[in-house]
Amino acid sequence: MRTYIFYNYYETDSLNFGRYGTVKVDKEILKTTLKKHYSLLGILFGSVLVSISLGPYYNWDSLLEYEAASGVIKWGFPYISPGNLINQPPLGYYIDAFFFEIFGLSYETGVCVITLFGLGCVFLVYEIGKIFYGKRTGLVAAALFGLTPWHVVMSRVFLIDTQCLFFSLLCLLVGIWAIQKGSLKILFVSGILFGLSLLTKAFGVYILIPLSLIYIYWRPKDLERVVEGIVLFFLPAFILHYLWYEIISGQGVFIIFHHSDFAHYFPEEIVPSCFFILHYFIENVGAFFLGACILSLLLSLSQRKLFAKVLFSDLVCLVTIICIAGLNTFLVLGRSLWVPYVNPIKYAYQSLPSFCWLAASLTGKCCLLPSRENFKGKQHRLIFSIAVIGLFLLMASMVMNMKILNIFSGWGYFLFKVEGEVGYSFEKLSPIIGANYTGVIQGLAFVSIVLSLFWFNLDKLKSLCARLTA
């Protein structure tokens, strides 16, 4: 016998005549859905709690972007002063203005919008990780992403980078579906999302790296269909940009190459090192996190037969990170540009999901290693030790990230360092919750995420413990 839950609602039709109605929800379906996705819901819940325990934050860039979004409300265009367009694509500001019209014009409202997009990014990291490696790895990747200070802070400041990342990840997800199904219609939808991503920020172009690798890997054989697919994918982006830059704003489609970031060069007294981007990753991704990524890669390369199914996914993540970091390095060392040097937090932001997928894939690898019959005696003990170390690195990275976030919650000012005291700074507005409750909220968030992962991986942990005591 089915049980139903009834929700009352009130709606207004096109003639503004209101009416009441009832929505009937199958209770069994609801219970099944919650049971199936309880781990993901726990991670999303924890990510929300972590976000609201911090900030909101601001800096010079965020206040400028807030002015642009306010300009949409005042003049219909993202002006930072009358007649002066901000030097960014406009979509993010129109999205923010839409929410401002509903909930009121305030900086805090804008930050809440960004936080929603940040939560969407956590979900998309899970969905793409599930395709790359499986549900287990997708959940761990989402947990890592949701607790990384780099992402958490970016989701608590009024900057359009998180919106751009959301559209980029959504483009990648839909693009993978299109490639798997061989559907030109779905590929066209992915192209629309790519256009929206580029119309939010130029960093959206980075999503072409993993998407192109996946498309090439599937080896489409029909040349005519390949050309048709490429045209359908890029056509929406071209139309959207032409409409905005040529027809609406009249700036010209090549205005992106005259961005102010490309007009600021290094002061004479500062000389960047060749490893500035590596310093940034160590400082802001974390040594345990990077250690998990490195061990994951070493396992895949040394045991290619065992991990043949995920080796390509590992390489996609690695190539994406190298390309994004490499372009950032070229702009600094090759073109002597100042902004890419102090701003890897934005210039390399789209590489963060790849770090999370690569590190999270260590979960499945560490659980699979000890079960191989090929490893016996001393070799088995060594392999088992490596598996335990891998799981420790993942847990330690989450603990350290949580510790850093707790430290951030007590600071009114902090710097995402690149080298020395050079970096990108933020200041805190009045926090949403009191200082006395911050630790409690963060503790609850961490417990929610860890318990979600623990219960989902309980079968694997039991198996691992059984081999340990054997």
Protein backbone atom coordinates (compact mmCIF):
# COMPACT_ATOMS: atom_id res chain seq x y z
CA MET A 1 0.00 0.00 0.00
CA ARG A 2 1.46 3.35 -1.02
CA THR A 3 1.66 6.26 1.39
CA TYR A 4 1.58 9.82 0.13
CA ILE A 5 2.69 13.15 1.53
CA PHE A 6 0.61 16.17 0.55
CA TYR A 7 2.00 19.70 0.17
CA ASN A 8 -0.30 22.69 -0.26
CA TYR A 9 0.74 25.36 -2.70
CA TYR A 10 -0.55 28.65 -4.08
CA GLU A 11 0.07 29.72 -7.66
CA THR A 12 -0.81 32.66 -9.87
CA ASP A 13 -1.77 32.20 -13.50
CA SER A 14 -0.95 34.53 -16.38
CA LEU A 15 -4.01 36.66 -15.60
CA ASN A 16 -2.94 37.05 -11.94
CA PHE A 17 -5.87 35.01 -10.62
CA GLY A 18 -4.54 32.91 -7.73
CA ARG A 19 -5.62 29.40 -6.87
CA TYR A 20 -4.71 26.79 -4.31
CA GLY A 21 -3.72 23.24 -5.11
CA THR A 22 -2.09 20.12 -3.72
CA VAL A 23 1.05 18.27 -4.75
CA LYS A 24 1.04 14.52 -4.06
CA VAL A 25 4.43 12.96 -3.35
CA ASP A 26 4.93 9.19 -3.10
CA LYS A 27 6.42 8.61 0.35
CA GLU A 28 8.10 5.36 -0.68
CA ILE A 29 9.81 7.05 -3.62
CA LEU A 30 10.93 9.85 -1.31
CA LYS A 31 12.35 7.36 1.20
CA THR A 32 14.11 5.42 -1.55
CA THR A 33 15.62 8.60 -2.98
CA LEU A 34 16.86 9.76 0.43
CA LYS A 35 18.30 6.33 1.17
CA LYS A 36 20.05 6.21 -2.18
CA HIS A 37 21.57 9.68 -1.89
CA TYR A 38 22.02 10.13 1.87
CA SER A 39 25.81 10.33 1.57
CA LEU A 40 25.67 13.06 -1.06
CA LEU A 41 23.06 14.98 0.93
CA GLY A 42 25.26 14.76 4.02
CA ILE A 43 28.22 16.16 2.10
CA LEU A 44 26.14 18.98 0.60
CA PHE A 45 24.71 19.78 4.03
CA GLY A 46 28.21 19.90 5.51
CA SER A 47 29.43 22.12 2.67
CA VAL A 48 26.61 24.59 3.31
CA LEU A 49 27.41 24.72 7.02
CA VAL A 50 31.10 25.30 6.35
CA SER A 51 30.29 28.13 3.97
CA ILE A 52 27.91 29.99 6.25
CA SER A 53 30.39 29.68 9.14
CA LEU A 54 32.74 32.00 7.23
CA GLY A 55 32.52 35.48 5.82
CA PRO A 56 31.12 37.06 3.81
CA TYR A 57 34.40 38.50 2.53
CA TYR A 58 35.30 41.39 0.29
CA ASN A 59 38.25 43.06 -1.42
CA TRP A 60 38.76 45.73 -4.06
CA ASP A 61 37.78 43.39 -6.93
CA SER A 62 34.61 42.19 -5.23
CA LEU A 63 33.44 45.73 -4.49
CA LEU A 64 34.06 46.65 -8.13
CA GLU A 65 32.02 43.67 -9.31
CA TYR A 66 29.27 44.56 -6.84
CA GLU A 67 29.17 48.03 -8.45
CA ALA A 68 28.82 46.38 -11.86
CA ALA A 69 25.90 44.22 -10.69
CA SER A 70 24.33 47.28 -9.08
CA GLY A 71 24.77 49.10 -12.39
CA VAL A 72 22.53 46.51 -14.06
CA ILE A 73 19.79 47.48 -11.60
CA LYS A 74 20.31 51.22 -12.13
CA TRP A 75 21.09 51.50 -15.84
CA GLY A 76 20.47 48.07 -17.38
CA PHE A 77 24.19 47.55 -18.07
CA PRO A 78 27.07 46.43 -15.80
CA TYR A 79 28.44 49.96 -15.44
CA ILE A 80 30.90 50.67 -12.61
CA SER A 81 30.21 54.35 -13.25
CA PRO A 82 27.73 55.94 -15.68
CA GLY A 83 28.63 54.79 -19.19
CA ASN A 84 31.72 52.84 -18.04
CA LEU A 85 31.35 49.06 -18.55
CA ILE A 86 33.35 46.73 -16.32
CA ASN A 87 36.10 44.88 -18.21
CA GLN A 88 34.45 41.47 -17.75
CA PRO A 89 31.80 39.47 -19.61
CA PRO A 90 28.34 40.42 -18.33
CA LEU A 91 26.31 37.29 -17.61
CA GLY A 92 27.28 36.93 -13.94
CA TYR A 93 26.19 40.48 -13.18
CA TYR A 94 22.79 39.99 -14.82
CA ILE A 95 22.27 36.82 -12.78
CA ASP A 96 23.16 38.72 -9.60
CA ALA A 97 20.87 41.58 -10.59
CA PHE A 98 17.99 39.11 -11.01
CA PHE A 99 18.38 38.03 -7.38
CA PHE A 100 18.84 41.64 -6.27
CA GLU A 101 15.45 42.48 -7.77
CA ILE A 102 13.83 39.70 -5.75
CA PHE A 103 15.67 39.87 -2.42
CA GLY A 104 16.95 43.45 -2.37
CA LEU A 105 20.19 45.13 -3.33
CA SER A 106 22.88 44.30 -0.78
CA TYR A 107 26.37 42.85 -0.80
CA GLU A 108 25.28 40.01 1.52
CA THR A 109 22.54 38.99 -0.93
CA GLY A 110 25.11 38.83 -3.71
CA VAL A 111 27.39 36.62 -1.61
CA CYS A 112 24.48 34.25 -0.91
CA VAL A 113 23.98 33.90 -4.67
CA ILE A 114 27.65 33.03 -5.12
CA THR A 115 27.40 30.51 -2.26
CA LEU A 116 24.51 28.77 -4.06
CA PHE A 117 26.64 28.47 -7.18
CA GLY A 118 29.48 27.16 -5.00
CA LEU A 119 27.18 24.45 -3.64
CA GLY A 120 26.22 23.63 -7.22
CA CYS A 121 29.92 23.19 -8.01
CA VAL A 122 30.24 20.66 -5.16
CA PHE A 123 27.36 18.67 -6.66
CA LEU A 124 28.85 18.81 -10.17
CA VAL A 125 32.26 17.68 -8.87
CA TYR A 126 30.44 14.63 -7.48
CA GLU A 127 28.56 13.93 -10.72
CA ILE A 128 31.64 14.20 -12.95
CA GLY A 129 33.78 12.26 -10.47
CA LYS A 130 31.13 9.50 -10.53
CA ILE A 131 31.49 9.28 -14.32
CA PHE A 132 35.29 9.35 -14.21
CA TYR A 133 35.83 6.89 -11.36
CA GLY A 134 32.55 5.78 -9.77
CA LYS A 135 30.21 6.94 -7.03
CA ARG A 136 32.66 6.26 -4.18
CA THR A 137 35.32 8.51 -5.67
CA GLY A 138 32.74 11.12 -6.67
CA LEU A 139 31.62 11.46 -3.04
CA VAL A 140 35.19 11.81 -1.75
CA ALA A 141 35.97 14.37 -4.46
CA ALA A 142 32.89 16.41 -3.50
CA ALA A 143 33.92 16.26 0.17
CA LEU A 144 37.46 17.39 -0.62
CA PHE A 145 36.21 20.19 -2.84
CA GLY A 146 33.61 21.36 -0.32
CA LEU A 147 36.23 21.61 2.45
CA THR A 148 39.09 23.17 0.50
CA PRO A 149 39.64 26.75 1.77
CA TRP A 150 40.40 27.89 -1.78
CA HIS A 151 36.87 27.03 -2.89
CA VAL A 152 35.10 27.88 0.37
CA VAL A 153 36.46 31.44 0.39
CA MET A 154 35.73 31.90 -3.33
CA SER A 155 32.12 30.92 -2.61
CA ARG A 156 31.87 33.52 0.18
CA VAL A 157 33.05 36.60 -1.71
CA PHE A 158 31.24 38.54 -4.43
CA LEU A 159 33.34 37.39 -7.40
CA ILE A 160 31.95 35.87 -10.59
CA ASP A 161 34.63 33.13 -10.75
CA THR A 162 32.45 30.60 -8.92
CA GLN A 163 29.59 31.22 -11.37
CA CYS A 164 32.00 30.66 -14.25
CA LEU A 165 33.24 27.40 -12.69
CA PHE A 166 29.65 26.21 -12.24
CA PHE A 167 28.77 26.72 -15.92
CA SER A 168 32.11 25.17 -16.95
CA LEU A 169 31.54 22.01 -14.90
CA LEU A 170 27.96 21.79 -16.14
CA CYS A 171 29.24 22.14 -19.71
CA LEU A 172 31.72 19.30 -19.09
CA LEU A 173 29.07 17.04 -17.55
CA VAL A 174 26.58 17.55 -20.39
CA GLY A 175 29.42 17.27 -22.93
CA ILE A 176 30.42 13.87 -21.52
CA TRP A 177 26.80 12.71 -21.77
CA ALA A 178 26.71 13.89 -25.40
CA ILE A 179 29.93 12.06 -26.27
CA GLN A 180 28.83 8.86 -24.56
CA LYS A 181 25.47 8.85 -26.35
CA GLY A 182 26.77 10.23 -29.64
CA SER A 183 24.04 12.88 -29.55
CA LEU A 184 24.49 16.12 -31.48
CA LYS A 185 21.48 17.64 -29.69
CA ILE A 186 23.05 17.15 -26.26
CA LEU A 187 26.37 18.40 -27.63
CA PHE A 188 24.59 21.56 -28.75
CA VAL A 189 23.25 22.01 -25.20
CA SER A 190 26.81 21.59 -23.92
CA GLY A 191 27.86 24.28 -26.41
CA ILE A 192 25.21 26.64 -25.03
CA LEU A 193 26.59 26.06 -21.51
CA PHE A 194 30.11 26.69 -22.81
CA GLY A 195 28.90 29.97 -24.27
CA LEU A 196 27.31 30.92 -20.94
CA SER A 197 30.54 30.05 -19.16
CA LEU A 198 32.59 32.27 -21.49
CA LEU A 199 30.00 35.01 -21.19
CA THR A 200 30.56 34.87 -17.42
CA LYS A 201 34.36 34.91 -17.51
CA ALA A 202 37.05 34.09 -20.06
CA PHE A 203 38.43 31.34 -17.79
CA GLY A 204 35.54 29.21 -19.07
CA VAL A 205 37.78 28.33 -22.03
CA TYR A 206 39.75 25.98 -19.74
CA ILE A 207 36.94 23.43 -19.77
CA LEU A 208 37.85 22.69 -23.39
CA ILE A 209 40.97 20.87 -22.13
CA PRO A 210 39.25 17.87 -20.47
CA LEU A 211 36.33 17.93 -22.89
CA SER A 212 38.64 17.79 -25.94
CA LEU A 213 40.66 14.94 -24.45
CA ILE A 214 37.51 12.92 -23.78
CA TYR A 215 36.18 13.63 -27.29
CA ILE A 216 39.46 12.49 -28.88
CA TYR A 217 39.59 9.39 -26.67
CA TRP A 218 36.22 8.21 -27.95
CA ARG A 219 37.67 8.41 -31.49
CA PRO A 220 34.69 9.56 -33.56
CA LYS A 221 35.21 8.03 -37.01
CA ASP A 222 32.69 9.90 -39.15
CA LEU A 223 34.56 13.06 -40.23
CA GLU A 224 31.39 14.79 -41.41
CA ARG A 225 29.72 14.16 -38.05
CA VAL A 226 32.83 15.40 -36.22
CA VAL A 227 32.77 18.69 -38.14
CA GLU A 228 29.04 19.02 -37.57
CA GLY A 229 29.51 18.41 -33.83
CA ILE A 230 32.31 20.97 -33.54
CA VAL A 231 30.23 23.61 -35.34
CA LEU A 232 27.18 22.91 -33.19
CA PHE A 233 29.30 23.13 -30.02
CA PHE A 234 31.01 26.44 -30.77
CA LEU A 235 28.11 28.16 -32.57
CA PRO A 236 26.22 29.25 -29.39
CA ALA A 237 29.37 30.77 -27.89
CA PHE A 238 30.06 32.71 -31.08
CA ILE A 239 26.47 34.00 -31.32
CA LEU A 240 26.32 35.02 -27.64
CA HIS A 241 29.63 36.87 -27.81
CA TYR A 242 28.83 38.54 -31.09
CA LEU A 243 25.48 39.73 -29.75
CA TRP A 244 26.99 41.20 -26.61
CA TYR A 245 30.30 42.62 -27.82
CA GLU A 246 29.33 43.78 -31.30
CA ILE A 247 25.61 44.57 -31.23
CA ILE A 248 24.67 45.33 -27.62
CA SER A 249 27.79 46.86 -26.05
CA GLY A 250 29.64 47.84 -29.25
CA GLN A 251 33.03 46.99 -27.69
CA GLY A 252 34.17 44.60 -30.42
CA VAL A 253 34.77 40.86 -30.11
CA PHE A 254 38.53 41.31 -29.53
CA ILE A 255 38.10 43.44 -26.43
CA ILE A 256 39.11 40.47 -24.26
CA PHE A 257 42.69 40.82 -25.51
CA HIS A 258 42.79 44.36 -24.17
CA HIS A 259 41.84 43.38 -20.63
CA SER A 260 43.45 45.51 -17.93
CA ASP A 261 45.12 42.39 -16.44
CA PHE A 262 47.37 42.40 -19.54
CA ALA A 263 48.49 46.00 -18.96
CA HIS A 264 50.10 45.65 -15.51
CA TYR A 265 53.71 44.46 -15.40
CA PHE A 266 56.06 43.51 -12.58
CA PRO A 267 57.54 46.17 -10.33
CA GLU A 268 61.32 46.25 -10.69
CA GLU A 269 61.90 45.20 -7.08
CA ILE A 270 59.97 41.89 -7.43
CA VAL A 271 61.36 38.90 -9.31
CA PRO A 272 59.09 35.81 -9.39
CA SER A 273 60.60 32.36 -9.04
CA CYS A 274 60.06 29.66 -11.66
CA PHE A 275 58.11 27.63 -9.10
CA PHE A 276 55.67 30.32 -7.93
CA ILE A 277 52.62 28.30 -9.00
CA LEU A 278 53.93 25.22 -7.15
CA HIS A 279 54.44 27.38 -4.05
CA TYR A 280 50.85 28.52 -4.37
CA PHE A 281 49.53 24.97 -4.66
CA ILE A 282 51.53 23.78 -1.64
CA GLU A 283 50.36 26.77 0.39
CA ASN A 284 46.70 26.70 -0.59
CA VAL A 285 45.91 23.16 -1.71
CA GLY A 286 47.99 21.55 1.02
CA ALA A 287 50.89 19.12 1.28
CA PHE A 288 48.68 16.15 2.26
CA PHE A 289 46.29 16.94 -0.61
CA LEU A 290 49.13 17.13 -3.15
CA GLY A 291 50.68 13.99 -1.64
CA ALA A 292 47.41 12.14 -2.29
CA CYS A 293 47.42 13.34 -5.93
CA ILE A 294 51.04 12.26 -6.45
CA LEU A 295 50.50 8.83 -4.84
CA SER A 296 47.36 8.34 -6.93
CA LEU A 297 49.30 9.02 -10.12
CA LEU A 298 52.22 6.79 -9.08
CA LEU A 299 49.86 3.90 -8.39
CA SER A 300 48.15 4.29 -11.77
CA LEU A 301 51.41 4.46 -13.68
CA SER A 302 53.12 1.63 -11.78
CA GLN A 303 50.07 -0.67 -11.89
CA ARG A 304 48.70 0.19 -15.31
CA LYS A 305 47.00 -3.18 -15.84
CA LEU A 306 45.27 -3.08 -12.47
CA PHE A 307 44.05 0.51 -12.93
CA ALA A 308 43.60 0.49 -16.71
CA LYS A 309 39.97 1.61 -16.41
CA VAL A 310 40.84 4.82 -14.56
CA LEU A 311 44.24 5.62 -16.05
CA PHE A 312 42.72 7.81 -18.76
CA SER A 313 40.70 9.77 -16.20
CA ASP A 314 43.89 10.32 -14.19
CA LEU A 315 45.64 11.62 -17.30
CA VAL A 316 42.74 13.95 -18.12
CA CYS A 317 43.02 15.48 -14.63
CA LEU A 318 46.81 15.72 -14.86
CA VAL A 319 46.83 17.34 -18.31
CA THR A 320 44.14 19.82 -17.21
CA ILE A 321 46.19 20.86 -14.17
CA ILE A 322 49.42 21.14 -16.19
CA CYS A 323 47.80 23.21 -18.96
CA ILE A 324 46.11 25.66 -16.58
CA ALA A 325 49.19 26.00 -14.38
CA GLY A 326 51.40 26.20 -17.48
CA LEU A 327 49.42 29.06 -19.01
CA ASN A 328 49.47 30.89 -15.67
CA THR A 329 53.25 30.42 -15.54
CA PHE A 330 53.69 31.62 -19.13
CA LEU A 331 51.74 34.82 -18.47
CA VAL A 332 53.99 35.54 -15.48
CA LEU A 333 57.43 34.39 -16.65
CA GLY A 334 56.93 34.80 -20.40
CA ARG A 335 54.92 38.04 -20.44
CA SER A 336 55.95 39.56 -17.06
CA LEU A 337 52.32 40.17 -16.10
CA TRP A 338 51.68 41.13 -12.49
CA VAL A 339 48.01 40.13 -12.03
CA PRO A 340 48.41 36.42 -12.98
CA TYR A 341 51.30 36.29 -10.48
CA VAL A 342 49.35 37.52 -7.46
CA ASN A 343 46.09 35.93 -8.61
CA PRO A 344 46.44 32.15 -9.09
CA ILE A 345 43.42 31.90 -6.80
CA LYS A 346 41.39 33.04 -9.83
CA TYR A 347 43.67 32.16 -12.76
CA ALA A 348 44.09 28.53 -11.64
CA TYR A 349 40.70 28.08 -9.95
CA GLN A 350 39.39 25.80 -12.69
CA SER A 351 42.17 23.31 -11.94
CA LEU A 352 40.88 22.66 -8.41
CA PRO A 353 38.21 20.07 -9.39
CA SER A 354 40.90 18.07 -11.21
CA PHE A 355 43.02 18.04 -8.05
CA CYS A 356 39.98 16.74 -6.15
CA TRP A 357 39.15 13.99 -8.67
CA LEU A 358 42.76 12.85 -8.83
CA ALA A 359 43.22 12.75 -5.06
CA ALA A 360 39.81 11.15 -4.45
CA SER A 361 40.55 8.34 -6.93
CA LEU A 362 43.06 7.14 -4.34
CA THR A 363 40.08 5.78 -2.36
CA GLY A 364 39.19 3.14 -4.91
CA LYS A 365 42.81 2.32 -5.65
CA CYS A 366 43.73 1.84 -2.00
CA CYS A 367 40.72 -0.41 -1.45
CA LEU A 368 41.53 -2.50 -4.54
CA LEU A 369 45.27 -2.93 -4.01
CA PRO A 370 45.26 -5.31 -1.01
CA SER A 371 42.70 -7.59 -2.66
CA ARG A 372 45.03 -8.56 -5.51
CA GLU A 373 46.26 -12.14 -5.25
CA ASN A 374 49.45 -11.20 -7.11
CA PHE A 375 50.76 -9.42 -4.02
CA LYS A 376 51.93 -11.98 -1.46
CA GLY A 377 54.23 -12.09 1.56
CA LYS A 378 56.39 -9.01 2.07
CA GLN A 379 55.04 -7.48 -1.13
CA HIS A 380 51.51 -7.76 0.21
CA ARG A 381 52.48 -6.00 3.45
CA LEU A 382 54.14 -3.23 1.46
CA ILE A 383 51.09 -2.78 -0.76
CA PHE A 384 48.83 -2.81 2.28
CA SER A 385 50.99 -0.12 3.92
CA ILE A 386 50.73 2.02 0.78
CA ALA A 387 46.94 1.65 0.84
CA VAL A 388 46.78 2.74 4.48
CA ILE A 389 49.08 5.71 3.75
CA GLY A 390 46.84 6.76 0.85
CA LEU A 391 43.70 6.71 2.98
CA PHE A 392 45.57 8.59 5.72
CA LEU A 393 46.60 11.31 3.24
CA LEU A 394 42.97 11.84 2.21
CA MET A 395 41.73 12.01 5.78
CA ALA A 396 44.62 14.26 6.85
CA SER A 397 43.96 16.66 3.97
CA MET A 398 40.32 17.08 5.07
CA VAL A 399 41.35 17.56 8.72
CA MET A 400 43.97 20.16 7.79
CA ASN A 401 41.55 22.01 5.53
CA MET A 402 39.01 22.09 8.35
CA LYS A 403 41.68 23.41 10.71
CA ILE A 404 42.61 26.19 8.26
CA LEU A 405 38.96 27.15 7.81
CA ASN A 406 38.58 27.33 11.58
CA ILE A 407 41.59 29.67 11.74
CA PHE A 408 40.16 31.81 8.93
CA SER A 409 36.89 32.17 10.84
CA GLY A 410 38.76 34.01 13.60
CA TRP A 411 40.62 36.41 11.29
CA GLY A 412 39.26 39.63 9.88
CA TYR A 413 41.95 39.71 7.18
CA PHE A 414 43.98 37.00 5.45
CA LEU A 415 46.14 36.48 2.37
CA PHE A 416 46.22 33.64 -0.14
CA LYS A 417 49.99 33.63 -0.51
CA VAL A 418 51.95 32.98 -3.68
CA GLU A 419 55.50 33.70 -2.52
CA GLY A 420 56.63 35.51 0.60
CA GLU A 421 53.98 38.07 1.47
CA VAL A 422 52.74 38.41 -2.11
CA GLY A 423 49.21 37.16 -2.76
CA TYR A 424 45.52 37.94 -2.95
CA SER A 425 43.88 39.29 0.20
CA PHE A 426 40.36 39.32 1.66
CA GLU A 427 38.67 41.14 4.52
CA LYS A 428 35.66 39.93 6.45
CA LEU A 429 32.34 41.71 6.77
CA SER A 430 30.21 41.14 9.86
CA PRO A 431 29.79 37.35 10.16
CA ILE A 432 26.37 35.76 9.84
CA ILE A 433 26.79 33.76 13.05
CA GLY A 434 28.46 34.68 16.33
CA ALA A 435 32.04 33.68 17.07
CA ASN A 436 30.86 31.39 19.89
CA TYR A 437 28.87 29.26 17.45
CA THR A 438 31.41 29.11 14.61
CA GLY A 439 33.29 26.12 16.03
CA VAL A 440 30.04 24.27 16.69
CA ILE A 441 28.77 24.85 13.15
CA GLN A 442 32.07 23.79 11.61
CA GLY A 443 32.27 20.73 13.86
CA LEU A 444 28.76 19.70 12.82
CA ALA A 445 29.70 20.22 9.16
CA PHE A 446 32.81 18.08 9.46
CA VAL A 447 30.95 15.31 11.29
CA SER A 448 28.22 15.34 8.62
CA ILE A 449 30.76 14.96 5.82
CA VAL A 450 32.95 12.36 7.53
CA LEU A 451 30.01 10.23 8.67
CA SER A 452 28.52 10.33 5.17
CA LEU A 453 31.77 9.01 3.73
CA PHE A 454 32.24 6.51 6.56
CA TRP A 455 28.83 4.85 6.21
CA PHE A 456 29.06 4.70 2.43
CA ASN A 457 32.53 3.10 2.61
CA LEU A 458 31.81 0.89 5.63
CA ASP A 459 31.89 -2.33 3.57
CA LYS A 460 35.32 -1.49 2.15
CA LEU A 461 36.68 -0.52 5.57
CA LYS A 462 35.48 -3.80 7.06
CA SER A 463 37.17 -5.72 4.25
CA LEU A 464 40.38 -3.76 4.79
CA CYS A 465 40.34 -4.44 8.55
CA ALA A 466 39.73 -8.13 7.93
CA ARG A 467 42.85 -8.37 5.78
CA LEU A 468 44.81 -6.43 8.41
CA THR A 469 43.95 -8.99 11.10
CA ALA A 470 44.36 -12.01 8.81
